[in-house]
Amino acid sequence: MAITFEKQVSRQRYLIFVFIIVILITAFLIWRNYFYQEIKIEEEIILKPAKKIEINFGVLDNPLLKELQPIDKIPSLEAGVELGRKTPFTPY
């Protein structure tokens, strides 16, 4: 029975070493791919040409927009009118 116990202990040691190696390899790959990248942002910004902005003023020639009239004065709220509910978070 003691021989079986020693085999289990040695097998567990090997599995612990394999697990540690897998964790180290994973940590190395994550570090290399995410934290060790060359930054080429400056080159991309310099190489891109500026875009030309074009405004379509033809939208303002729509007949519906020409029928609109400006408001001279915004009507104020009357003193006796109650707006909203006293507790807006209560259900209806």
PDB file of N, CA and C in Angstrom:
ATOM      1  N   MET A   1       0.807  -1.182   0.000  1.00  0.00           N
ATOM      2  CA  MET A   1       0.000   0.000   0.000  1.00  0.00           C
ATOM      3  C   MET A   1       0.862   1.263   0.000  1.00  0.00           C
ATOM      4  N   ALA A   2       2.016   1.211   0.608  1.00  0.00           N
ATOM      5  CA  ALA A   2       2.908   2.364   0.656  1.00  0.00           C
ATOM      6  C   ALA A   2       3.460   2.675  -0.721  1.00  0.00           C
ATOM      7  N   ILE A   3       3.629   1.660  -1.559  1.00  0.00           N
ATOM      8  CA  ILE A   3       4.147   1.869  -2.910  1.00  0.00           C
ATOM      9  C   ILE A   3       3.134   2.667  -3.726  1.00  0.00           C
ATOM     10  N   THR A   4       1.871   2.373  -3.617  1.00  0.00           N
ATOM     11  CA  THR A   4       0.836   3.094  -4.341  1.00  0.00           C
ATOM     12  C   THR A   4       0.785   4.557  -3.908  1.00  0.00           C
ATOM     13  N   PHE A   5       0.954   4.771  -2.617  1.00  0.00           N
ATOM     14  CA  PHE A   5       0.922   6.134  -2.101  1.00  0.00           C
ATOM     15  C   PHE A   5       2.080   6.956  -2.673  1.00  0.00           C
ATOM     16  N   GLU A   6       3.272   6.345  -2.768  1.00  0.00           N
ATOM     17  CA  GLU A   6       4.421   7.049  -3.322  1.00  0.00           C
ATOM     18  C   GLU A   6       4.233   7.332  -4.801  1.00  0.00           C
ATOM     19  N   LYS A   7       3.583   6.434  -5.533  1.00  0.00           N
ATOM     20  CA  LYS A   7       3.328   6.670  -6.949  1.00  0.00           C
ATOM     21  C   LYS A   7       2.355   7.831  -7.140  1.00  0.00           C
ATOM     22  N   GLN A   8       1.351   7.908  -6.270  1.00  0.00           N
ATOM     23  CA  GLN A   8       0.400   9.012  -6.370  1.00  0.00           C
ATOM     24  C   GLN A   8       1.065  10.349  -6.085  1.00  0.00           C
ATOM     25  N   VAL A   9       1.969  10.376  -5.103  1.00  0.00           N
ATOM     26  CA  VAL A   9       2.673  11.611  -4.760  1.00  0.00           C
ATOM     27  C   VAL A   9       3.568  12.047  -5.910  1.00  0.00           C
ATOM     28  N   SER A  10       4.292  11.100  -6.513  1.00  0.00           N
ATOM     29  CA  SER A  10       5.181  11.462  -7.617  1.00  0.00           C
ATOM     30  C   SER A  10       4.365  11.915  -8.829  1.00  0.00           C
ATOM     31  N   ARG A  11       3.218  11.282  -9.076  1.00  0.00           N
ATOM     32  CA  ARG A  11       2.361  11.683 -10.181  1.00  0.00           C
ATOM     33  C   ARG A  11       1.810  13.091  -9.950  1.00  0.00           C
ATOM     34  N   GLN A  12       1.436  13.396  -8.721  1.00  0.00           N
ATOM     35  CA  GLN A  12       0.933  14.726  -8.406  1.00  0.00           C
ATOM     36  C   GLN A  12       2.027  15.774  -8.575  1.00  0.00           C
ATOM     37  N   ARG A  13       3.252  15.447  -8.227  1.00  0.00           N
ATOM     38  CA  ARG A  13       4.356  16.394  -8.416  1.00  0.00           C
ATOM     39  C   ARG A  13       4.543  16.711  -9.897  1.00  0.00           C
ATOM     40  N   TYR A  14       4.506  15.674 -10.739  1.00  0.00           N
ATOM     41  CA  TYR A  14       4.640  15.907 -12.177  1.00  0.00           C
ATOM     42  C   TYR A  14       3.498  16.784 -12.694  1.00  0.00           C
ATOM     43  N   LEU A  15       2.299  16.504 -12.233  1.00  0.00           N
ATOM     44  CA  LEU A  15       1.168  17.314 -12.677  1.00  0.00           C
ATOM     45  C   LEU A  15       1.282  18.767 -12.209  1.00  0.00           C
ATOM     46  N   ILE A  16       1.810  18.982 -11.019  1.00  0.00           N
ATOM     47  CA  ILE A  16       2.007  20.345 -10.524  1.00  0.00           C
ATOM     48  C   ILE A  16       3.040  21.066 -11.390  1.00  0.00           C
ATOM     49  N   PHE A  17       4.138  20.383 -11.739  1.00  0.00           N
ATOM     50  CA  PHE A  17       5.153  21.011 -12.590  1.00  0.00           C
ATOM     51  C   PHE A  17       4.593  21.322 -13.977  1.00  0.00           C
ATOM     52  N   VAL A  18       3.820  20.414 -14.538  1.00  0.00           N
ATOM     53  CA  VAL A  18       3.209  20.655 -15.851  1.00  0.00           C
ATOM     54  C   VAL A  18       2.241  21.832 -15.773  1.00  0.00           C
ATOM     55  N   PHE A  19       1.465  21.903 -14.710  1.00  0.00           N
ATOM     56  CA  PHE A  19       0.517  23.010 -14.531  1.00  0.00           C
ATOM     57  C   PHE A  19       1.252  24.344 -14.414  1.00  0.00           C
ATOM     58  N   ILE A  20       2.351  24.380 -13.674  1.00  0.00           N
ATOM     59  CA  ILE A  20       3.130  25.618 -13.527  1.00  0.00           C
ATOM     60  C   ILE A  20       3.730  26.027 -14.869  1.00  0.00           C
ATOM     61  N   ILE A  21       4.222  25.062 -15.635  1.00  0.00           N
ATOM     62  CA  ILE A  21       4.792  25.369 -16.948  1.00  0.00           C
ATOM     63  C   ILE A  21       3.727  25.928 -17.885  1.00  0.00           C
ATOM     64  N   VAL A  22       2.539  25.352 -17.868  1.00  0.00           N
ATOM     65  CA  VAL A  22       1.446  25.851 -18.709  1.00  0.00           C
ATOM     66  C   VAL A  22       1.069  27.276 -18.306  1.00  0.00           C
ATOM     67  N   ILE A  23       1.016  27.557 -17.023  1.00  0.00           N
ATOM     68  CA  ILE A  23       0.697  28.910 -16.558  1.00  0.00           C
ATOM     69  C   ILE A  23       1.783  29.896 -16.988  1.00  0.00           C
ATOM     70  N   LEU A  24       3.044  29.514 -16.886  1.00  0.00           N
ATOM     71  CA  LEU A  24       4.133  30.401 -17.301  1.00  0.00           C
ATOM     72  C   LEU A  24       4.107  30.671 -18.798  1.00  0.00           C
ATOM     73  N   ILE A  25       3.840  29.649 -19.593  1.00  0.00           N
ATOM     74  CA  ILE A  25       3.758  29.835 -21.043  1.00  0.00           C
ATOM     75  C   ILE A  25       2.591  30.751 -21.394  1.00  0.00           C
ATOM     76  N   THR A  26       1.461  30.544 -20.757  1.00  0.00           N
ATOM     77  CA  THR A  26       0.298  31.398 -21.009  1.00  0.00           C
ATOM     78  C   THR A  26       0.576  32.844 -20.614  1.00  0.00           C
ATOM     79  N   ALA A  27       1.193  33.059 -19.469  1.00  0.00           N
ATOM     80  CA  ALA A  27       1.520  34.417 -19.025  1.00  0.00           C
ATOM     81  C   ALA A  27       2.499  35.077 -19.984  1.00  0.00           C
ATOM     82  N   PHE A  28       3.490  34.308 -20.476  1.00  0.00           N
ATOM     83  CA  PHE A  28       4.451  34.859 -21.428  1.00  0.00           C
ATOM     84  C   PHE A  28       3.771  35.262 -22.730  1.00  0.00           C
ATOM     85  N   LEU A  29       2.884  34.425 -23.245  1.00  0.00           N
ATOM     86  CA  LEU A  29       2.193  34.746 -24.493  1.00  0.00           C
ATOM     87  C   LEU A  29       1.291  35.963 -24.341  1.00  0.00           C
ATOM     88  N   ILE A  30       0.604  36.066 -23.225  1.00  0.00           N
ATOM     89  CA  ILE A  30      -0.248  37.233 -22.986  1.00  0.00           C
ATOM     90  C   ILE A  30       0.603  38.490 -22.886  1.00  0.00           C
ATOM     91  N   TRP A  31       1.717  38.409 -22.163  1.00  0.00           N
ATOM     92  CA  TRP A  31       2.587  39.574 -22.030  1.00  0.00           C
ATOM     93  C   TRP A  31       3.147  39.995 -23.385  1.00  0.00           C
ATOM     94  N   ARG A  32       3.562  39.038 -24.168  1.00  0.00           N
ATOM     95  CA  ARG A  32       4.181  39.361 -25.454  1.00  0.00           C
ATOM     96  C   ARG A  32       3.167  39.940 -26.440  1.00  0.00           C
ATOM     97  N   ASN A  33       1.951  39.414 -26.460  1.00  0.00           N
ATOM     98  CA  ASN A  33       0.968  39.870 -27.438  1.00  0.00           C
ATOM     99  C   ASN A  33       0.295  41.173 -27.050  1.00  0.00           C
ATOM    100  N   TYR A  34       0.102  41.434 -25.784  1.00  0.00           N
ATOM    101  CA  TYR A  34      -0.662  42.606 -25.378  1.00  0.00           C
ATOM    102  C   TYR A  34       0.198  43.761 -24.865  1.00  0.00           C
ATOM    103  N   PHE A  35       1.297  43.477 -24.236  1.00  0.00           N
ATOM    104  CA  PHE A  35       2.081  44.532 -23.625  1.00  0.00           C
ATOM    105  C   PHE A  35       3.372  44.841 -24.383  1.00  0.00           C
ATOM    106  N   TYR A  36       3.741  44.047 -25.339  1.00  0.00           N
ATOM    107  CA  TYR A  36       5.003  44.238 -26.034  1.00  0.00           C
ATOM    108  C   TYR A  36       4.752  44.458 -27.519  1.00  0.00           C
ATOM    109  N   GLN A  37       3.866  45.363 -27.854  1.00  0.00           N
ATOM    110  CA  GLN A  37       3.583  45.666 -29.246  1.00  0.00           C
ATOM    111  C   GLN A  37       4.232  46.994 -29.609  1.00  0.00           C
ATOM    112  N   GLU A  38       4.719  47.068 -30.829  1.00  0.00           N
ATOM    113  CA  GLU A  38       5.305  48.315 -31.293  1.00  0.00           C
ATOM    114  C   GLU A  38       4.189  49.299 -31.622  1.00  0.00           C
ATOM    115  N   ILE A  39       4.404  50.533 -31.269  1.00  0.00           N
ATOM    116  CA  ILE A  39       3.394  51.564 -31.501  1.00  0.00           C
ATOM    117  C   ILE A  39       3.717  52.265 -32.818  1.00  0.00           C
ATOM    118  N   LYS A  40       2.772  52.211 -33.759  1.00  0.00           N
ATOM    119  CA  LYS A  40       2.950  52.844 -35.060  1.00  0.00           C
ATOM    120  C   LYS A  40       1.845  53.861 -35.319  1.00  0.00           C
ATOM    121  N   ILE A  41       1.349  54.457 -34.288  1.00  0.00           N
ATOM    122  CA  ILE A  41       0.230  55.396 -34.410  1.00  0.00           C
ATOM    123  C   ILE A  41       0.669  56.662 -35.136  1.00  0.00           C
ATOM    124  N   GLU A  42       1.864  57.147 -34.851  1.00  0.00           N
ATOM    125  CA  GLU A  42       2.338  58.384 -35.450  1.00  0.00           C
ATOM    126  C   GLU A  42       2.450  58.258 -36.966  1.00  0.00           C
ATOM    127  N   GLU A  43       2.928  57.126 -37.468  1.00  0.00           N
ATOM    128  CA  GLU A  43       3.067  56.930 -38.899  1.00  0.00           C
ATOM    129  C   GLU A  43       1.710  56.907 -39.581  1.00  0.00           C
ATOM    130  N   GLU A  44       0.716  56.276 -38.975  1.00  0.00           N
ATOM    131  CA  GLU A  44      -0.609  56.211 -39.578  1.00  0.00           C
ATOM    132  C   GLU A  44      -1.252  57.580 -39.653  1.00  0.00           C
ATOM    133  N   ILE A  45      -1.048  58.392 -38.644  1.00  0.00           N
ATOM    134  CA  ILE A  45      -1.644  59.727 -38.627  1.00  0.00           C
ATOM    135  C   ILE A  45      -1.009  60.600 -39.701  1.00  0.00           C
ATOM    136  N   ILE A  46       0.273  60.490 -39.880  1.00  0.00           N
ATOM    137  CA  ILE A  46       0.963  61.322 -40.858  1.00  0.00           C
ATOM    138  C   ILE A  46       0.610  60.893 -42.281  1.00  0.00           C
ATOM    139  N   LEU A  47       0.463  59.623 -42.535  1.00  0.00           N
ATOM    140  CA  LEU A  47       0.245  59.131 -43.881  1.00  0.00           C
ATOM    141  C   LEU A  47      -1.184  59.314 -44.386  1.00  0.00           C
ATOM    142  N   LYS A  48      -2.159  59.495 -43.509  1.00  0.00           N
ATOM    143  CA  LYS A  48      -3.537  59.628 -43.951  1.00  0.00           C
ATOM    144  C   LYS A  48      -3.800  61.052 -44.447  1.00  0.00           C
ATOM    145  N   PRO A  49      -4.368  61.188 -45.643  1.00  0.00           N
ATOM    146  CA  PRO A  49      -4.695  62.542 -46.123  1.00  0.00           C
ATOM    147  C   PRO A  49      -5.950  63.067 -45.430  1.00  0.00           C
ATOM    148  N   ALA A  50      -6.048  64.387 -45.360  1.00  0.00           N
ATOM    149  CA  ALA A  50      -7.209  65.014 -44.732  1.00  0.00           C
ATOM    150  C   ALA A  50      -8.420  64.858 -45.638  1.00  0.00           C
ATOM    151  N   LYS A  51      -9.579  64.602 -45.038  1.00  0.00           N
ATOM    152  CA  LYS A  51     -10.804  64.445 -45.815  1.00  0.00           C
ATOM    153  C   LYS A  51     -11.431  65.806 -46.061  1.00  0.00           C
ATOM    154  N   LYS A  52     -12.047  65.964 -47.222  1.00  0.00           N
ATOM    155  CA  LYS A  52     -12.703  67.216 -47.567  1.00  0.00           C
ATOM    156  C   LYS A  52     -14.151  67.145 -47.095  1.00  0.00           C
ATOM    157  N   ILE A  53     -14.591  68.171 -46.414  1.00  0.00           N
ATOM    158  CA  ILE A  53     -15.956  68.227 -45.899  1.00  0.00           C
ATOM    159  C   ILE A  53     -16.832  68.942 -46.913  1.00  0.00           C
ATOM    160  N   GLU A  54     -17.915  68.293 -47.290  1.00  0.00           N
ATOM    161  CA  GLU A  54     -18.854  68.885 -48.232  1.00  0.00           C
ATOM    162  C   GLU A  54     -20.216  69.015 -47.562  1.00  0.00           C
ATOM    163  N   ILE A  55     -20.810  70.210 -47.638  1.00  0.00           N
ATOM    164  CA  ILE A  55     -22.118  70.470 -47.045  1.00  0.00           C
ATOM    165  C   ILE A  55     -23.140  70.536 -48.162  1.00  0.00           C
ATOM    166  N   ASN A  56     -24.215  69.785 -48.007  1.00  0.00           N
ATOM    167  CA  ASN A  56     -25.284  69.766 -49.003  1.00  0.00           C
ATOM    168  C   ASN A  56     -26.326  70.811 -48.621  1.00  0.00           C
ATOM    169  N   PHE A  57     -26.268  71.971 -49.283  1.00  0.00           N
ATOM    170  CA  PHE A  57     -27.221  73.038 -49.016  1.00  0.00           C
ATOM    171  C   PHE A  57     -28.531  72.829 -49.773  1.00  0.00           C
ATOM    172  N   GLY A  58     -28.619  71.829 -50.614  1.00  0.00           N
ATOM    173  CA  GLY A  58     -29.838  71.534 -51.347  1.00  0.00           C
ATOM    174  C   GLY A  58     -30.970  71.084 -50.434  1.00  0.00           C
ATOM    175  N   VAL A  59     -30.643  70.611 -49.260  1.00  0.00           N
ATOM    176  CA  VAL A  59     -31.661  70.191 -48.295  1.00  0.00           C
ATOM    177  C   VAL A  59     -32.478  71.398 -47.835  1.00  0.00           C
ATOM    178  N   LEU A  60     -31.863  72.563 -47.780  1.00  0.00           N
ATOM    179  CA  LEU A  60     -32.569  73.766 -47.329  1.00  0.00           C
ATOM    180  C   LEU A  60     -33.571  74.287 -48.358  1.00  0.00           C
ATOM    181  N   ASP A  61     -33.515  73.786 -49.594  1.00  0.00           N
ATOM    182  CA  ASP A  61     -34.462  74.218 -50.633  1.00  0.00           C
ATOM    183  C   ASP A  61     -35.758  73.423 -50.590  1.00  0.00           C
ATOM    184  N   ASN A  62     -35.944  72.564 -49.631  1.00  0.00           N
ATOM    185  CA  ASN A  62     -37.153  71.767 -49.490  1.00  0.00           C
ATOM    186  C   ASN A  62     -38.342  72.685 -49.232  1.00  0.00           C
ATOM    187  N   PRO A  63     -39.480  72.507 -49.951  1.00  0.00           N
ATOM    188  CA  PRO A  63     -40.638  73.396 -49.760  1.00  0.00           C
ATOM    189  C   PRO A  63     -41.250  73.290 -48.366  1.00  0.00           C
ATOM    190  N   LEU A  64     -41.117  72.145 -47.698  1.00  0.00           N
ATOM    191  CA  LEU A  64     -41.651  72.026 -46.346  1.00  0.00           C
ATOM    192  C   LEU A  64     -40.892  72.927 -45.377  1.00  0.00           C
ATOM    193  N   LEU A  65     -39.601  73.073 -45.586  1.00  0.00           N
ATOM    194  CA  LEU A  65     -38.817  73.943 -44.722  1.00  0.00           C
ATOM    195  C   LEU A  65     -39.134  75.420 -44.972  1.00  0.00           C
ATOM    196  N   LYS A  66     -39.510  75.766 -46.186  1.00  0.00           N
ATOM    197  CA  LYS A  66     -39.838  77.159 -46.489  1.00  0.00           C
ATOM    198  C   LYS A  66     -41.172  77.573 -45.878  1.00  0.00           C
ATOM    199  N   GLU A  67     -42.053  76.629 -45.604  1.00  0.00           N
ATOM    200  CA  GLU A  67     -43.348  76.936 -44.988  1.00  0.00           C
ATOM    201  C   GLU A  67     -43.238  77.195 -43.493  1.00  0.00           C
ATOM    202  N   LEU A  68     -42.133  76.832 -42.869  1.00  0.00           N
ATOM    203  CA  LEU A  68     -41.973  77.052 -41.438  1.00  0.00           C
ATOM    204  C   LEU A  68     -41.862  78.536 -41.133  1.00  0.00           C
ATOM    205  N   GLN A  69     -42.439  78.944 -40.001  1.00  0.00           N
ATOM    206  CA  GLN A  69     -42.378  80.336 -39.583  1.00  0.00           C
ATOM    207  C   GLN A  69     -41.676  80.411 -38.227  1.00  0.00           C
ATOM    208  N   PRO A  70     -40.880  81.450 -38.014  1.00  0.00           N
ATOM    209  CA  PRO A  70     -40.177  81.561 -36.735  1.00  0.00           C
ATOM    210  C   PRO A  70     -41.125  81.960 -35.608  1.00  0.00           C
ATOM    211  N   ILE A  71     -40.819  81.554 -34.406  1.00  0.00           N
ATOM    212  CA  ILE A  71     -41.612  81.904 -33.230  1.00  0.00           C
ATOM    213  C   ILE A  71     -41.016  83.185 -32.647  1.00  0.00           C
ATOM    214  N   ASP A  72     -41.845  84.189 -32.478  1.00  0.00           N
ATOM    215  CA  ASP A  72     -41.360  85.460 -31.948  1.00  0.00           C
ATOM    216  C   ASP A  72     -41.085  85.373 -30.456  1.00  0.00           C
ATOM    217  N   LYS A  73     -42.010  84.790 -29.722  1.00  0.00           N
ATOM    218  CA  LYS A  73     -41.862  84.728 -28.278  1.00  0.00           C
ATOM    219  C   LYS A  73     -42.305  83.344 -27.806  1.00  0.00           C
ATOM    220  N   ILE A  74     -41.553  82.773 -26.916  1.00  0.00           N
ATOM    221  CA  ILE A  74     -41.910  81.475 -26.354  1.00  0.00           C
ATOM    222  C   ILE A  74     -42.912  81.708 -25.240  1.00  0.00           C
ATOM    223  N   PRO A  75     -44.078  81.046 -25.310  1.00  0.00           N
ATOM    224  CA  PRO A  75     -45.091  81.273 -24.270  1.00  0.00           C
ATOM    225  C   PRO A  75     -44.612  80.753 -22.915  1.00  0.00           C
ATOM    226  N   SER A  76     -44.820  81.550 -21.873  1.00  0.00           N
ATOM    227  CA  SER A  76     -44.396  81.143 -20.538  1.00  0.00           C
ATOM    228  C   SER A  76     -45.438  80.224 -19.915  1.00  0.00           C
ATOM    229  N   LEU A  77     -45.041  79.486 -18.916  1.00  0.00           N
ATOM    230  CA  LEU A  77     -45.944  78.570 -18.234  1.00  0.00           C
ATOM    231  C   LEU A  77     -46.855  79.359 -17.308  1.00  0.00           C
ATOM    232  N   GLU A  78     -48.099  79.010 -17.305  1.00  0.00           N
ATOM    233  CA  GLU A  78     -49.035  79.692 -16.437  1.00  0.00           C
ATOM    234  C   GLU A  78     -48.837  79.215 -14.999  1.00  0.00           C
ATOM    235  N   ALA A  79     -49.151  80.069 -14.035  1.00  0.00           N
ATOM    236  CA  ALA A  79     -48.902  79.761 -12.628  1.00  0.00           C
ATOM    237  C   ALA A  79     -49.805  78.649 -12.114  1.00  0.00           C
ATOM    238  N   GLY A  80     -51.021  78.513 -12.625  1.00  0.00           N
ATOM    239  CA  GLY A  80     -51.959  77.535 -12.104  1.00  0.00           C
ATOM    240  C   GLY A  80     -51.811  76.144 -12.709  1.00  0.00           C
ATOM    241  N   VAL A  81     -50.988  75.990 -13.716  1.00  0.00           N
ATOM    242  CA  VAL A  81     -50.849  74.700 -14.395  1.00  0.00           C
ATOM    243  C   VAL A  81     -49.851  73.830 -13.629  1.00  0.00           C
ATOM    244  N   GLU A  82     -50.265  72.591 -13.320  1.00  0.00           N
ATOM    245  CA  GLU A  82     -49.401  71.666 -12.607  1.00  0.00           C
ATOM    246  C   GLU A  82     -48.738  70.740 -13.629  1.00  0.00           C
ATOM    247  N   LEU A  83     -47.436  70.697 -13.614  1.00  0.00           N
ATOM    248  CA  LEU A  83     -46.689  69.877 -14.566  1.00  0.00           C
ATOM    249  C   LEU A  83     -46.240  68.584 -13.905  1.00  0.00           C
ATOM    250  N   GLY A  84     -46.344  67.496 -14.607  1.00  0.00           N
ATOM    251  CA  GLY A  84     -45.834  66.219 -14.131  1.00  0.00           C
ATOM    252  C   GLY A  84     -46.554  65.702 -12.897  1.00  0.00           C
ATOM    253  N   ARG A  85     -45.930  64.710 -12.263  1.00  0.00           N
ATOM    254  CA  ARG A  85     -46.492  64.132 -11.050  1.00  0.00           C
ATOM    255  C   ARG A  85     -45.620  64.501  -9.860  1.00  0.00           C
ATOM    256  N   LYS A  86     -46.198  64.412  -8.668  1.00  0.00           N
ATOM    257  CA  LYS A  86     -45.416  64.744  -7.479  1.00  0.00           C
ATOM    258  C   LYS A  86     -44.341  63.716  -7.229  1.00  0.00           C
ATOM    259  N   THR A  87     -44.642  62.446  -7.445  1.00  0.00           N
ATOM    260  CA  THR A  87     -43.648  61.368  -7.308  1.00  0.00           C
ATOM    261  C   THR A  87     -43.548  60.651  -8.649  1.00  0.00           C
ATOM    262  N   PRO A  88     -42.591  61.004  -9.466  1.00  0.00           N
ATOM    263  CA  PRO A  88     -42.541  60.437 -10.808  1.00  0.00           C
ATOM    264  C   PRO A  88     -42.106  58.970 -10.847  1.00  0.00           C
ATOM    265  N   PHE A  89     -41.596  58.435  -9.745  1.00  0.00           N
ATOM    266  CA  PHE A  89     -41.113  57.057  -9.764  1.00  0.00           C
ATOM    267  C   PHE A  89     -42.160  56.043  -9.346  1.00  0.00           C
ATOM    268  N   THR A  90     -43.341  56.480  -8.925  1.00  0.00           N
ATOM    269  CA  THR A  90     -44.394  55.543  -8.565  1.00  0.00           C
ATOM    270  C   THR A  90     -45.085  55.074  -9.844  1.00  0.00           C
ATOM    271  N   PRO A  91     -45.472  53.792  -9.893  1.00  0.00           N
ATOM    272  CA  PRO A  91     -46.141  53.300 -11.100  1.00  0.00           C
ATOM    273  C   PRO A  91     -47.552  53.871 -11.234  1.00  0.00           C
ATOM    274  N   TYR A  92     -48.087  53.831 -12.427  1.00  0.00           N
ATOM    275  CA  TYR A  92     -49.432  54.352 -12.694  1.00  0.00           C
ATOM    276  C   TYR A  92     -50.494  53.484 -12.072  1.00  0.00           C
TER     277      TYR A  92
END
